[in-house]
Structures are given as C-alpha cells and as structure tokens.
Protein backbone atom coordinates (compact mmCIF):
# COMPACT_ATOMS: atom_id res chain seq x y z
CA UNK A 1 -25.47 34.69 -21.22
CA UNK A 2 -28.40 32.79 -20.63
CA UNK A 3 -28.82 29.76 -22.30
CA UNK A 4 -30.64 30.14 -25.81
CA UNK A 5 -29.26 33.83 -26.37
CA UNK A 6 -27.28 34.54 -29.17
CA UNK A 7 -24.86 37.09 -29.76
CA UNK A 8 -25.88 39.62 -31.77
CA UNK A 9 -24.06 40.53 -35.77
CA UNK A 10 -22.40 36.57 -34.79
CA UNK A 11 -22.85 35.25 -38.34
CA UNK A 12 -20.37 38.09 -39.99
CA UNK A 13 -18.28 37.92 -36.44
CA UNK A 14 -17.79 34.27 -37.32
CA UNK A 15 -16.73 34.98 -41.18
CA UNK A 16 -14.23 36.97 -40.53
CA UNK A 17 -12.86 35.04 -37.77
CA UNK A 18 -12.74 31.86 -40.32
CA UNK A 19 -11.40 34.32 -42.98
CA UNK A 20 -8.54 35.83 -40.91
CA UNK A 21 -7.49 32.33 -39.87
CA UNK A 22 -7.31 31.18 -43.81
CA UNK A 23 -5.15 34.70 -44.87
CA UNK A 24 -2.85 33.49 -41.75
CA UNK A 25 -2.67 29.99 -42.61
CA UNK A 26 -2.05 30.84 -46.43
CA UNK A 27 0.26 33.52 -45.50
CA UNK A 28 2.53 31.02 -43.17
CA UNK A 29 1.86 28.91 -45.86
CA UNK A 30 3.63 31.10 -48.60
CA UNK A 31 6.45 33.29 -46.69
CA UNK A 32 7.76 29.79 -45.41
CA UNK A 33 7.14 27.42 -47.87
CA UNK A 34 8.70 24.07 -47.16
CA UNK A 35 8.43 20.20 -46.86
CA UNK A 36 5.03 19.00 -44.65
CA UNK A 37 7.52 17.27 -42.13
CA UNK A 38 5.64 16.02 -38.90
CA UNK A 39 6.23 19.24 -36.97
CA UNK A 40 4.17 21.57 -39.66
CA UNK A 41 1.33 18.90 -39.26
CA UNK A 42 1.40 19.00 -35.57
CA UNK A 43 1.41 23.16 -36.03
CA UNK A 44 -1.66 22.74 -38.32
CA UNK A 45 -3.29 20.35 -36.05
CA UNK A 46 -2.77 22.70 -32.72
CA UNK A 47 -3.54 26.11 -35.20
CA UNK A 48 -6.95 24.11 -35.86
CA UNK A 49 -7.41 22.97 -32.60
CA UNK A 50 -6.92 26.89 -31.10
CA UNK A 51 -8.96 28.58 -33.82
CA UNK A 52 -12.08 26.21 -33.61
CA UNK A 53 -11.67 26.26 -29.85
CA UNK A 54 -11.61 30.13 -30.17
CA UNK A 55 -14.61 30.56 -32.12
CA UNK A 56 -16.51 28.27 -29.86
CA UNK A 57 -15.57 30.23 -27.06
CA UNK A 58 -16.16 33.99 -28.45
CA UNK A 59 -19.40 31.97 -29.83
CA UNK A 60 -20.14 30.86 -26.10
CA UNK A 61 -19.63 34.34 -24.58
CA UNK A 62 -21.88 36.06 -26.81
CA UNK A 63 -23.10 39.42 -25.56
CA UNK A 64 -20.93 39.37 -22.71
CA UNK A 65 -17.52 39.41 -24.93
CA UNK A 66 -15.75 42.85 -24.25
CA UNK A 67 -11.87 44.20 -25.27
CA UNK A 68 -11.76 45.77 -21.68
CA UNK A 69 -12.54 43.91 -18.64
CA UNK A 70 -16.19 43.70 -17.85
CA UNK A 71 -18.75 41.70 -15.73
CA UNK A 72 -21.55 42.02 -17.83
CA UNK A 73 -22.48 38.22 -17.20
CA UNK A 74 -20.89 35.42 -15.44
CA UNK A 75 -20.54 32.35 -18.40
CA UNK A 76 -20.47 29.27 -16.99
CA UNK A 77 -21.59 26.72 -19.58
CA UNK A 78 -20.38 25.15 -22.59
CA UNK A 79 -16.37 25.26 -22.87
CA UNK A 80 -16.69 27.90 -19.92
CA UNK A 81 -17.85 25.18 -18.04
CA UNK A 82 -14.01 23.82 -17.41
CA UNK A 83 -11.75 26.43 -18.29
CA UNK A 84 -12.17 30.13 -17.19
CA UNK A 85 -10.40 32.08 -20.14
CA UNK A 86 -11.00 29.61 -23.09
CA UNK A 87 -10.13 32.83 -25.57
CA UNK A 88 -6.96 33.15 -23.90
CA UNK A 89 -5.93 29.40 -23.83
CA UNK A 90 -7.24 28.37 -27.28
CA UNK A 91 -5.35 32.29 -28.75
CA UNK A 92 -2.38 31.26 -27.61
CA UNK A 93 -2.50 27.77 -29.12
CA UNK A 94 -3.73 29.33 -32.18
CA UNK A 95 -0.63 31.56 -32.25
CA UNK A 96 1.51 28.58 -30.98
CA UNK A 97 0.73 25.99 -34.29
CA UNK A 98 1.84 29.22 -36.23
CA UNK A 99 5.00 29.65 -34.86
CA UNK A 100 5.81 25.79 -35.11
CA UNK A 101 4.38 25.92 -38.49
CA UNK A 102 6.64 28.55 -39.33
CA UNK A 103 10.00 26.45 -37.55
CA UNK A 104 11.55 29.60 -36.22
CA UNK A 105 12.90 28.87 -32.30
CA UNK A 106 12.94 32.74 -31.85
CA UNK A 107 9.32 32.62 -31.97
CA UNK A 108 9.21 30.92 -28.82
CA UNK A 109 10.56 34.15 -26.88
CA UNK A 110 7.39 36.32 -27.81
CA UNK A 111 5.04 33.29 -27.60
CA UNK A 112 6.24 33.31 -23.68
CA UNK A 113 5.88 37.13 -23.61
CA UNK A 114 1.90 36.39 -24.84
CA UNK A 115 1.57 34.15 -22.34
CA UNK A 116 2.59 36.44 -19.22
CA UNK A 117 0.08 39.16 -20.86
CA UNK A 118 -2.62 36.65 -21.06
CA UNK A 119 -1.94 35.34 -17.65
CA UNK A 120 -2.01 38.95 -16.16
CA UNK A 121 -4.90 39.96 -18.07
CA UNK A 122 -6.72 36.88 -16.42
CA UNK A 123 -6.27 37.52 -13.44
CA UNK A 124 -7.32 41.90 -13.77
CA UNK A 125 -10.84 40.37 -15.29
CA UNK A 126 -10.85 37.87 -12.25
CA UNK A 127 -10.75 40.63 -9.96
CA UNK A 128 -13.64 42.68 -11.91
CA UNK A 129 -15.38 39.16 -11.74
CA UNK A 130 -15.26 38.30 -8.36
CA UNK A 131 -15.75 42.26 -7.22
CA UNK A 132 -18.92 42.07 -8.80
CA UNK A 133 -20.20 38.22 -7.90
CA UNK A 134 -18.57 37.34 -5.40
CA UNK A 135 -18.93 34.26 -3.72
CA UNK A 136 -20.69 33.03 -7.09
CA UNK A 137 -17.14 33.51 -8.89
CA UNK A 138 -15.07 32.12 -6.48
CA UNK A 139 -17.09 28.81 -6.12
CA UNK A 140 -16.93 28.79 -10.09
CA UNK A 141 -13.21 29.47 -10.22
CA UNK A 142 -12.37 27.02 -7.54
CA UNK A 143 -14.13 24.08 -10.43
CA UNK A 144 -12.29 25.54 -13.24
CA UNK A 145 -8.79 25.54 -14.26
CA UNK A 146 -7.31 29.43 -15.97
C-alpha cells in the first residue's frame, strides 16, 4: 500500500470490529462472572493489546487485505516493518486474552490448534508473496519476525 492510501470503507470496517470485540468482551464477562483478579486483568490487557494491534495491522494493510493468499502489493510499513503477519499475531493475542479471562484450562488446546493453523496460513502466504516479489520479499522476510 502506498503511503497515504486509505482502504475503502475503512470506518464501517473499524466500527464493526470494535463492536464485535466489545460484544465478545461483554459476553465473556456475562457468561464467566467472577472476581476481577490478576489473571482476569492480564487477560483483559492481552485482549485489548490484541484488538488494538489487529485494528492497526488491518488498517495498514488497507486494500491489500484478502481472505485467501494473494500478492497484490508487498506492505512493509508500520507494524508490517517488524512483523510479517501481524493480523495472525494480534488476533491470536486477542483470543488468548479472552481464554485467560474465561479461566478454562482446556481452552489452551484449541488455542494451540489456532497457532498451528495460523503458522500454516502464514507459510502458504509466504510462498505466494515470494513467487510474486522474489528477492524483495526474501529481503523483507530476513528483516522481520513471523
């Protein structure tokens, strides 16, 4: 995405994402009531960091966003200058925060599965990007995490 280019219809997208996170948070609080101890506050912090990171990454990706692996443009600015797949990283952090708030140990099993799936998707996307951008993508990959 070139600097200054904003994704189309970003405000409705951002609004929907914020509303969804609030609904998830309120549902978790309502369905899993309890004292707000250190564990739950840590979960809320991780969930909030994940949400902010996810919104930021999605905004910076702009019109290059796609559900399936595509190589429209190599986005290397903002959070993408440090993390190749920040949407996966921050969405996982958000979900981890929710699971910590819920306080159910068995939820870490599906979370581990999510990490495996996100890693597989990132690998698949890397192949598509490398095929289109070649050495430019390989250089970017060497300078970034995940």
